Amino acid sequence: MKLLINEASHEFDADPEMPLLWVLRDLLGLTGTKFGCGAAQCGACTVHVDGVAVRACITPASSVEGQAITTIEGLNGKAAEAVQEAWIRLDVPQCGYCQSGQIMSAVALLTENATPGDADIDAAMDGNLCRCNTYHRIRAGIHEAVRIMGR
């Protein structure tokens, strides 16, 4: 199997049905993508496939061959920089476990919609769970990222 991950080509032998999450974490050592529930319900494993936020825990690795996969380690660009700056500026994370998935979903949103309202944010972030309940800080962080991108 050959996958394009963070702009680098990786070839390996693996079961085609192996979830992308385990390819990233176990075979490639990209541990920024977290395991949360294994059922696409929590968002901790969110990565981008051709710019779209997907849950790596239920995505068979073979289904994303030939597509550009981006993990938190390879995230870049204007929206990514703005989200990362906003997260730091507003001290968004508490424990931090869910934050790679939160950031990946926020960047996907801002790449598609540079000026989201609260309803847009809620819809895009739906399914990204935070056990520390920092949802108000996450929403504020996305609004702050919009302001940063507008500079």
C-alpha atoms as a PDB file:
ATOM      1  CA  MET A   1       0.000   0.000   0.000  1.00  0.00           C
ATOM      2  CA  LYS A   2       1.208   3.509  -0.799  1.00  0.00           C
ATOM      3  CA  LEU A   3      -0.154   6.585   1.002  1.00  0.00           C
ATOM      4  CA  LEU A   4       0.627  10.283   0.682  1.00  0.00           C
ATOM      5  CA  ILE A   5       0.803  11.581   4.242  1.00  0.00           C
ATOM      6  CA  ASN A   6       1.899  15.114   5.125  1.00  0.00           C
ATOM      7  CA  GLU A   7       3.214  15.573   1.586  1.00  0.00           C
ATOM      8  CA  ALA A   8       5.492  12.509   1.835  1.00  0.00           C
ATOM      9  CA  SER A   9       4.941   9.160   0.161  1.00  0.00           C
ATOM     10  CA  HIS A  10       4.913   6.106   2.441  1.00  0.00           C
ATOM     11  CA  GLU A  11       4.907   2.501   1.226  1.00  0.00           C
ATOM     12  CA  PHE A  12       4.183  -0.391   3.546  1.00  0.00           C
ATOM     13  CA  ASP A  13       2.592  -3.804   3.766  1.00  0.00           C
ATOM     14  CA  ALA A  14      -0.554  -3.794   5.839  1.00  0.00           C
ATOM     15  CA  ASP A  15      -4.030  -5.246   5.822  1.00  0.00           C
ATOM     16  CA  PRO A  16      -6.014  -3.018   3.431  1.00  0.00           C
ATOM     17  CA  GLU A  17      -8.812  -2.841   6.006  1.00  0.00           C
ATOM     18  CA  MET A  18      -6.472  -1.605   8.760  1.00  0.00           C
ATOM     19  CA  PRO A  19      -7.879   1.695  10.011  1.00  0.00           C
ATOM     20  CA  LEU A  20      -5.882   4.714   8.919  1.00  0.00           C
ATOM     21  CA  LEU A  21      -5.474   5.628  12.592  1.00  0.00           C
ATOM     22  CA  TRP A  22      -3.345   2.552  13.256  1.00  0.00           C
ATOM     23  CA  VAL A  23      -1.296   3.061  10.100  1.00  0.00           C
ATOM     24  CA  LEU A  24      -0.512   6.592  11.267  1.00  0.00           C
ATOM     25  CA  ARG A  25       0.198   5.743  14.900  1.00  0.00           C
ATOM     26  CA  ASP A  26       1.637   2.226  14.831  1.00  0.00           C
ATOM     27  CA  LEU A  27       3.333   1.971  11.444  1.00  0.00           C
ATOM     28  CA  LEU A  28       4.458   5.569  10.923  1.00  0.00           C
ATOM     29  CA  GLY A  29       4.832   6.843  14.501  1.00  0.00           C
ATOM     30  CA  LEU A  30       2.565   9.855  13.915  1.00  0.00           C
ATOM     31  CA  THR A  31       1.023   9.866  17.375  1.00  0.00           C
ATOM     32  CA  GLY A  32      -0.556  13.324  17.247  1.00  0.00           C
ATOM     33  CA  THR A  33      -3.714  11.701  15.898  1.00  0.00           C
ATOM     34  CA  LYS A  34      -5.354  10.234  18.989  1.00  0.00           C
ATOM     35  CA  PHE A  35      -7.446   7.142  19.651  1.00  0.00           C
ATOM     36  CA  GLY A  36     -10.579   8.054  21.541  1.00  0.00           C
ATOM     37  CA  CYS A  37     -13.546   5.785  20.943  1.00  0.00           C
ATOM     38  CA  GLY A  38     -12.824   3.722  17.839  1.00  0.00           C
ATOM     39  CA  ALA A  39     -16.344   4.379  16.553  1.00  0.00           C
ATOM     40  CA  ALA A  40     -16.073   7.859  14.961  1.00  0.00           C
ATOM     41  CA  GLN A  41     -18.057   9.386  17.822  1.00  0.00           C
ATOM     42  CA  CYS A  42     -15.460  11.550  19.610  1.00  0.00           C
ATOM     43  CA  GLY A  43     -13.341  13.212  16.899  1.00  0.00           C
ATOM     44  CA  ALA A  44      -9.954  12.638  18.589  1.00  0.00           C
ATOM     45  CA  CYS A  45      -8.716  10.828  15.468  1.00  0.00           C
ATOM     46  CA  THR A  46      -9.663  13.550  12.966  1.00  0.00           C
ATOM     47  CA  VAL A  47      -7.328  14.001  10.000  1.00  0.00           C
ATOM     48  CA  HIS A  48      -7.781  15.668   6.616  1.00  0.00           C
ATOM     49  CA  VAL A  49      -8.194  13.629   3.448  1.00  0.00           C
ATOM     50  CA  ASP A  50      -7.959  15.951   0.458  1.00  0.00           C
ATOM     51  CA  GLY A  51      -8.769  18.800   2.857  1.00  0.00           C
ATOM     52  CA  VAL A  52     -11.894  17.206   4.326  1.00  0.00           C
ATOM     53  CA  ALA A  53     -12.025  16.299   8.019  1.00  0.00           C
ATOM     54  CA  VAL A  54     -12.484  12.527   8.431  1.00  0.00           C
ATOM     55  CA  ARG A  55     -12.330  10.094  11.331  1.00  0.00           C
ATOM     56  CA  ALA A  56      -9.224   7.962  10.913  1.00  0.00           C
ATOM     57  CA  CYS A  57     -10.435   5.282  13.350  1.00  0.00           C
ATOM     58  CA  ILE A  58     -13.040   3.972  10.898  1.00  0.00           C
ATOM     59  CA  THR A  59     -11.361   4.836   7.595  1.00  0.00           C
ATOM     60  CA  PRO A  60      -9.722   1.795   5.973  1.00  0.00           C
ATOM     61  CA  ALA A  61      -6.236   2.751   4.861  1.00  0.00           C
ATOM     62  CA  SER A  62      -6.839   1.303   1.389  1.00  0.00           C
ATOM     63  CA  SER A  63      -9.771   3.691   0.867  1.00  0.00           C
ATOM     64  CA  VAL A  64      -7.498   6.745   0.925  1.00  0.00           C
ATOM     65  CA  GLU A  65      -4.779   5.562  -1.464  1.00  0.00           C
ATOM     66  CA  GLY A  66      -4.041   8.306  -3.984  1.00  0.00           C
ATOM     67  CA  GLN A  67      -5.449  11.042  -1.747  1.00  0.00           C
ATOM     68  CA  ALA A  68      -3.574  13.648   0.278  1.00  0.00           C
ATOM     69  CA  ILE A  69      -3.712  12.831   3.986  1.00  0.00           C
ATOM     70  CA  THR A  70      -2.786  15.512   6.506  1.00  0.00           C
ATOM     71  CA  THR A  71      -2.285  14.887  10.201  1.00  0.00           C
ATOM     72  CA  ILE A  72      -1.776  17.405  12.982  1.00  0.00           C
ATOM     73  CA  GLU A  73       1.989  16.976  12.466  1.00  0.00           C
ATOM     74  CA  GLY A  74       1.728  18.142   8.846  1.00  0.00           C
ATOM     75  CA  LEU A  75      -0.904  20.840   9.242  1.00  0.00           C
ATOM     76  CA  ASN A  76       0.091  24.133   7.623  1.00  0.00           C
ATOM     77  CA  GLY A  77      -1.308  27.132   5.826  1.00  0.00           C
ATOM     78  CA  LYS A  78      -3.056  30.359   6.782  1.00  0.00           C
ATOM     79  CA  ALA A  79      -6.023  28.777   8.579  1.00  0.00           C
ATOM     80  CA  ALA A  80      -3.789  26.315  10.439  1.00  0.00           C
ATOM     81  CA  GLU A  81      -1.450  29.054  11.630  1.00  0.00           C
ATOM     82  CA  ALA A  82      -4.366  31.231  12.710  1.00  0.00           C
ATOM     83  CA  VAL A  83      -6.033  28.403  14.653  1.00  0.00           C
ATOM     84  CA  GLN A  84      -2.784  27.452  16.363  1.00  0.00           C
ATOM     85  CA  GLU A  85      -2.098  31.088  17.300  1.00  0.00           C
ATOM     86  CA  ALA A  86      -5.662  31.542  18.586  1.00  0.00           C
ATOM     87  CA  TRP A  87      -5.481  28.339  20.640  1.00  0.00           C
ATOM     88  CA  ILE A  88      -2.306  29.583  22.324  1.00  0.00           C
ATOM     89  CA  ARG A  89      -3.525  33.158  22.743  1.00  0.00           C
ATOM     90  CA  LEU A  90      -6.804  32.071  24.384  1.00  0.00           C
ATOM     91  CA  ASP A  91      -5.367  29.070  26.232  1.00  0.00           C
ATOM     92  CA  VAL A  92      -8.053  26.878  24.652  1.00  0.00           C
ATOM     93  CA  PRO A  93      -6.977  23.393  25.778  1.00  0.00           C
ATOM     94  CA  GLN A  94      -7.292  22.078  29.269  1.00  0.00           C
ATOM     95  CA  CYS A  95      -5.982  18.497  29.312  1.00  0.00           C
ATOM     96  CA  GLY A  96      -5.291  18.665  25.569  1.00  0.00           C
ATOM     97  CA  TYR A  97      -6.133  15.079  24.598  1.00  0.00           C
ATOM     98  CA  CYS A  98      -8.880  16.023  22.145  1.00  0.00           C
ATOM     99  CA  GLN A  99      -7.174  19.105  20.791  1.00  0.00           C
ATOM    100  CA  SER A 100      -5.508  17.634  17.710  1.00  0.00           C
ATOM    101  CA  GLY A 101      -8.955  16.532  16.514  1.00  0.00           C
ATOM    102  CA  GLN A 102     -10.484  19.868  17.500  1.00  0.00           C
ATOM    103  CA  ILE A 103      -7.783  21.770  15.611  1.00  0.00           C
ATOM    104  CA  MET A 104      -8.106  19.569  12.527  1.00  0.00           C
ATOM    105  CA  SER A 105     -11.872  20.146  12.422  1.00  0.00           C
ATOM    106  CA  ALA A 106     -11.488  23.898  13.032  1.00  0.00           C
ATOM    107  CA  VAL A 107      -8.939  24.245  10.227  1.00  0.00           C
ATOM    108  CA  ALA A 108     -11.157  22.279   7.822  1.00  0.00           C
ATOM    109  CA  LEU A 109     -14.029  24.623   8.701  1.00  0.00           C
ATOM    110  CA  LEU A 110     -11.983  27.798   8.206  1.00  0.00           C
ATOM    111  CA  THR A 111     -10.530  26.527   4.949  1.00  0.00           C
ATOM    112  CA  GLU A 112     -14.052  26.077   3.620  1.00  0.00           C
ATOM    113  CA  ASN A 113     -15.703  29.062   5.367  1.00  0.00           C
ATOM    114  CA  ALA A 114     -13.444  31.953   6.387  1.00  0.00           C
ATOM    115  CA  THR A 115     -16.196  33.730   8.345  1.00  0.00           C
ATOM    116  CA  PRO A 116     -18.309  31.123  10.133  1.00  0.00           C
ATOM    117  CA  GLY A 117     -21.061  32.070  12.536  1.00  0.00           C
ATOM    118  CA  ASP A 118     -21.812  30.193  15.728  1.00  0.00           C
ATOM    119  CA  ALA A 119     -24.186  27.797  13.945  1.00  0.00           C
ATOM    120  CA  ASP A 120     -21.506  26.998  11.349  1.00  0.00           C
ATOM    121  CA  ILE A 121     -18.964  26.382  14.103  1.00  0.00           C
ATOM    122  CA  ASP A 122     -21.356  24.174  16.043  1.00  0.00           C
ATOM    123  CA  ALA A 123     -22.136  22.118  12.928  1.00  0.00           C
ATOM    124  CA  ALA A 124     -18.471  21.713  11.950  1.00  0.00           C
ATOM    125  CA  MET A 125     -17.362  20.827  15.464  1.00  0.00           C
ATOM    126  CA  ASP A 126     -20.296  18.503  16.180  1.00  0.00           C
ATOM    127  CA  GLY A 127     -18.931  15.117  17.145  1.00  0.00           C
ATOM    128  CA  ASN A 128     -15.638  16.485  18.476  1.00  0.00           C
ATOM    129  CA  LEU A 129     -15.971  15.727  22.150  1.00  0.00           C
ATOM    130  CA  CYS A 130     -14.058  17.442  24.935  1.00  0.00           C
ATOM    131  CA  ARG A 131     -14.182  15.734  28.294  1.00  0.00           C
ATOM    132  CA  CYS A 132     -12.946  18.934  29.945  1.00  0.00           C
ATOM    133  CA  ASN A 133     -15.916  20.827  28.469  1.00  0.00           C
ATOM    134  CA  THR A 134     -13.900  23.640  26.890  1.00  0.00           C
ATOM    135  CA  TYR A 135     -16.446  24.131  24.115  1.00  0.00           C
ATOM    136  CA  HIS A 136     -16.851  27.851  24.830  1.00  0.00           C
ATOM    137  CA  ARG A 137     -13.067  28.307  24.539  1.00  0.00           C
ATOM    138  CA  ILE A 138     -12.962  26.260  21.336  1.00  0.00           C
ATOM    139  CA  ARG A 139     -15.686  28.438  19.776  1.00  0.00           C
ATOM    140  CA  ALA A 140     -13.899  31.595  20.975  1.00  0.00           C
ATOM    141  CA  GLY A 141     -10.667  30.219  19.511  1.00  0.00           C
ATOM    142  CA  ILE A 142     -12.278  29.765  16.113  1.00  0.00           C
ATOM    143  CA  HIS A 143     -13.648  33.325  16.207  1.00  0.00           C
ATOM    144  CA  GLU A 144     -10.185  34.561  17.210  1.00  0.00           C
ATOM    145  CA  ALA A 145      -8.641  32.633  14.302  1.00  0.00           C
ATOM    146  CA  VAL A 146     -11.055  34.426  11.965  1.00  0.00           C
ATOM    147  CA  ARG A 147      -9.830  37.760  13.354  1.00  0.00           C
ATOM    148  CA  ILE A 148      -6.202  36.688  12.981  1.00  0.00           C
ATOM    149  CA  MET A 149      -6.761  35.646   9.349  1.00  0.00           C
ATOM    150  CA  GLY A 150      -8.398  39.004   8.655  1.00  0.00           C
ATOM    151  CA  ARG A 151      -5.299  40.962   9.591  1.00  0.00           C
END
